[in-house]
Every structure is written in structure tokens, then in C-alpha cells.
C-alpha atoms as a PDB file:
ATOM      1  CA  MET A   1       1.774   1.621   3.463  1.00  0.00           C
ATOM      2  CA  PHE A   2       2.756   1.825  -0.213  1.00  0.00           C
ATOM      3  CA  PHE A   3       4.337  -1.631   0.085  1.00  0.00           C
ATOM      4  CA  ILE A   4       1.136  -3.096   1.522  1.00  0.00           C
ATOM      5  CA  ILE A   5      -1.113  -1.492  -1.092  1.00  0.00           C
ATOM      6  CA  TYR A   6       1.221  -2.479  -3.948  1.00  0.00           C
ATOM      7  CA  CYS A   7       1.522  -6.118  -2.816  1.00  0.00           C
ATOM      8  CA  THR A   8      -2.207  -6.424  -2.215  1.00  0.00           C
ATOM      9  CA  ALA A   9      -3.055  -4.949  -5.626  1.00  0.00           C
ATOM     10  CA  LYS A  10      -0.522  -7.279  -7.275  1.00  0.00           C
ATOM     11  CA  ASN A  11      -1.934 -10.328  -5.489  1.00  0.00           C
ATOM     12  CA  ILE A  12      -5.531  -9.437  -6.339  1.00  0.00           C
ATOM     13  CA  SER A  13      -4.596  -8.793  -9.961  1.00  0.00           C
ATOM     14  CA  ASP A  14      -2.976 -12.231 -10.125  1.00  0.00           C
ATOM     15  CA  PHE A  15      -6.049 -13.746  -8.444  1.00  0.00           C
ATOM     16  CA  TYR A  16      -8.386 -12.125 -10.991  1.00  0.00           C
ATOM     17  CA  GLN A  17      -6.273 -12.931 -14.050  1.00  0.00           C
ATOM     18  CA  SER A  18      -5.865 -16.556 -13.029  1.00  0.00           C
ATOM     19  CA  GLY A  19      -9.638 -16.991 -13.278  1.00  0.00           C
ATOM     20  CA  LYS A  20     -10.095 -17.872  -9.598  1.00  0.00           C
ATOM     21  CA  ALA A  21     -12.234 -14.780  -8.956  1.00  0.00           C
ATOM     22  CA  SER A  22     -15.871 -14.976  -9.943  1.00  0.00           C
ATOM     23  CA  GLY A  23     -15.650 -11.508 -11.501  1.00  0.00           C
ATOM     24  CA  ARG A  24     -14.200  -8.051 -11.071  1.00  0.00           C
ATOM     25  CA  ASN A  25     -16.506  -7.248  -8.162  1.00  0.00           C
ATOM     26  CA  HIS A  26     -15.328 -10.347  -6.312  1.00  0.00           C
ATOM     27  CA  ALA A  27     -11.688  -9.344  -6.797  1.00  0.00           C
ATOM     28  CA  ALA A  28     -12.426  -5.761  -5.674  1.00  0.00           C
ATOM     29  CA  ASN A  29     -14.343  -6.920  -2.599  1.00  0.00           C
ATOM     30  CA  ILE A  30     -11.441  -8.971  -1.243  1.00  0.00           C
ATOM     31  CA  PHE A  31      -9.064  -5.973  -1.301  1.00  0.00           C
ATOM     32  CA  PRO A  32      -9.817  -4.684   2.253  1.00  0.00           C
ATOM     33  CA  GLY A  33      -9.403  -8.140   3.789  1.00  0.00           C
ATOM     34  CA  ASN A  34      -6.111  -8.678   2.004  1.00  0.00           C
ATOM     35  CA  VAL A  35      -4.807  -5.293   3.180  1.00  0.00           C
ATOM     36  CA  GLU A  36      -5.668  -6.275   6.751  1.00  0.00           C
ATOM     37  CA  LYS A  37      -3.929  -9.638   6.281  1.00  0.00           C
ATOM     38  CA  MET A  38      -0.793  -7.935   4.923  1.00  0.00           C
ATOM     39  CA  ILE A  39      -0.715  -5.506   7.864  1.00  0.00           C
ATOM     40  CA  ASP A  40      -1.011  -8.404  10.315  1.00  0.00           C
ATOM     41  CA  LYS A  41       1.859 -10.229   8.567  1.00  0.00           C
ATOM     42  CA  CYS A  42       4.034  -7.103   8.693  1.00  0.00           C
ATOM     43  CA  ILE A  43       3.317  -6.480  12.373  1.00  0.00           C
ATOM     44  CA  GLY A  44       3.866 -10.165  13.152  1.00  0.00           C
ATOM     45  CA  GLY A  45       7.244 -10.108  11.432  1.00  0.00           C
ATOM     46  CA  ILE A  46       6.280 -12.644   8.760  1.00  0.00           C
ATOM     47  CA  ILE A  47       6.865 -10.064   6.024  1.00  0.00           C
ATOM     48  CA  ASN A  48       9.508  -7.355   6.175  1.00  0.00           C
ATOM     49  CA  PRO A  49       8.072  -4.361   4.290  1.00  0.00           C
ATOM     50  CA  LYS A  50      10.425  -2.536   1.970  1.00  0.00           C
ATOM     51  CA  PRO A  51      10.327   1.266   2.042  1.00  0.00           C
ATOM     52  CA  PHE A  52       8.860   2.931  -1.031  1.00  0.00           C
ATOM     53  CA  ARG A  53      11.176   5.124  -3.047  1.00  0.00           C
ATOM     54  CA  ARG A  54       9.889   7.741  -5.435  1.00  0.00           C
ATOM     55  CA  ASN A  55      11.932   8.428  -8.553  1.00  0.00           C
ATOM     56  CA  PHE A  56      13.193  11.908  -7.699  1.00  0.00           C
ATOM     57  CA  ASP A  57      14.155  12.514 -11.347  1.00  0.00           C
ATOM     58  CA  CYS A  58      10.405  12.822 -11.985  1.00  0.00           C
ATOM     59  CA  GLU A  59       8.271  15.588 -10.525  1.00  0.00           C
ATOM     60  CA  GLN A  60       5.988  14.804  -7.613  1.00  0.00           C
ATOM     61  CA  SER A  61       2.432  14.406  -8.889  1.00  0.00           C
ATOM     62  CA  THR A  62      -0.033  17.232  -8.281  1.00  0.00           C
ATOM     63  CA  ILE A  63      -2.287  14.963  -6.226  1.00  0.00           C
ATOM     64  CA  SER A  64       0.656  13.907  -4.086  1.00  0.00           C
ATOM     65  CA  GLN A  65       1.770  17.529  -3.624  1.00  0.00           C
ATOM     66  CA  VAL A  66      -1.674  18.686  -2.521  1.00  0.00           C
ATOM     67  CA  PHE A  67      -2.341  15.719  -0.246  1.00  0.00           C
ATOM     68  CA  PHE A  68       1.042  15.346   1.465  1.00  0.00           C
ATOM     69  CA  ASN A  69       2.030  19.037   1.536  1.00  0.00           C
ATOM     70  CA  LYS A  70      -1.330  20.711   2.237  1.00  0.00           C
ATOM     71  CA  VAL A  71      -3.920  18.239   3.569  1.00  0.00           C
ATOM     72  CA  VAL A  72      -1.576  16.100   5.666  1.00  0.00           C
ATOM     73  CA  PRO A  73       1.468  18.367   6.010  1.00  0.00           C
ATOM     74  CA  ILE A  74       4.167  15.690   6.281  1.00  0.00           C
ATOM     75  CA  GLY A  75       5.952  16.367   2.977  1.00  0.00           C
ATOM     76  CA  GLU A  76       8.334  13.595   1.892  1.00  0.00           C
ATOM     77  CA  ALA A  77       8.094  11.832   5.290  1.00  0.00           C
ATOM     78  CA  TYR A  78       5.354   9.567   3.917  1.00  0.00           C
ATOM     79  CA  LEU A  79       8.032   7.777   1.909  1.00  0.00           C
ATOM     80  CA  GLU A  80      10.019   6.854   5.011  1.00  0.00           C
ATOM     81  CA  LYS A  81       7.224   5.606   7.285  1.00  0.00           C
ATOM     82  CA  THR A  82       6.789   1.905   7.882  1.00  0.00           C
ATOM     83  CA  VAL A  83       3.749   0.007   9.115  1.00  0.00           C
ATOM     84  CA  GLU A  84       5.112  -0.073  12.654  1.00  0.00           C
ATOM     85  CA  SER A  85       5.164   3.733  12.806  1.00  0.00           C
ATOM     86  CA  TYR A  86       1.389   3.833  12.318  1.00  0.00           C
ATOM     87  CA  PHE A  87       0.588   1.458  15.168  1.00  0.00           C
ATOM     88  CA  GLU A  88       1.647   1.224  18.788  1.00  0.00           C
ATOM     89  CA  LEU A  89       2.984  -2.237  19.471  1.00  0.00           C
END
């Protein structure tokens, strides 16, 4: 999922900075559709998502610790999951 969010944010940033967007709101509003498009491309095999790797020399952020260790108790497993693991094909 990190790959999808990163690529979508990068693409939207490029879209906004190139002047093709009619404003910040326009760029922000196309985010959900682009995430859906990226997921479809990953499931369809058009894009091969790369796993996200956290720099383990740095501490895990507090938000990440609370969310992935307390709220959704999966620990470091969130780094290993791919799009396919979230959906039944």
C-alpha cells in the first residue's frame, strides 16, 4: 500500500506542478481515483509493486508505533504486505 500511496502522491504532485491542475483542490480531488487506478494496475499485473522498506537505523515514528502495534496489532508485517494480500483474486 505504501508503494501505491507514494506513486499516486508523486504523480499528483507532478500534475499540480506542471500547471495542468486547475488548483490545489483539483489535484487533491483526483487522489482517490488515482489510488484506485494504481490498485487496478497492480492487480492486473501492469505494475509490479515494490515492497516498502523502513530505514531501521531510524526509530519507528510514534504514530506508526501506536497504529501498527496497538490499533492494528500487526507490528512490522505492514512493511511486507503487497496489494494482492489485501484482496482475494
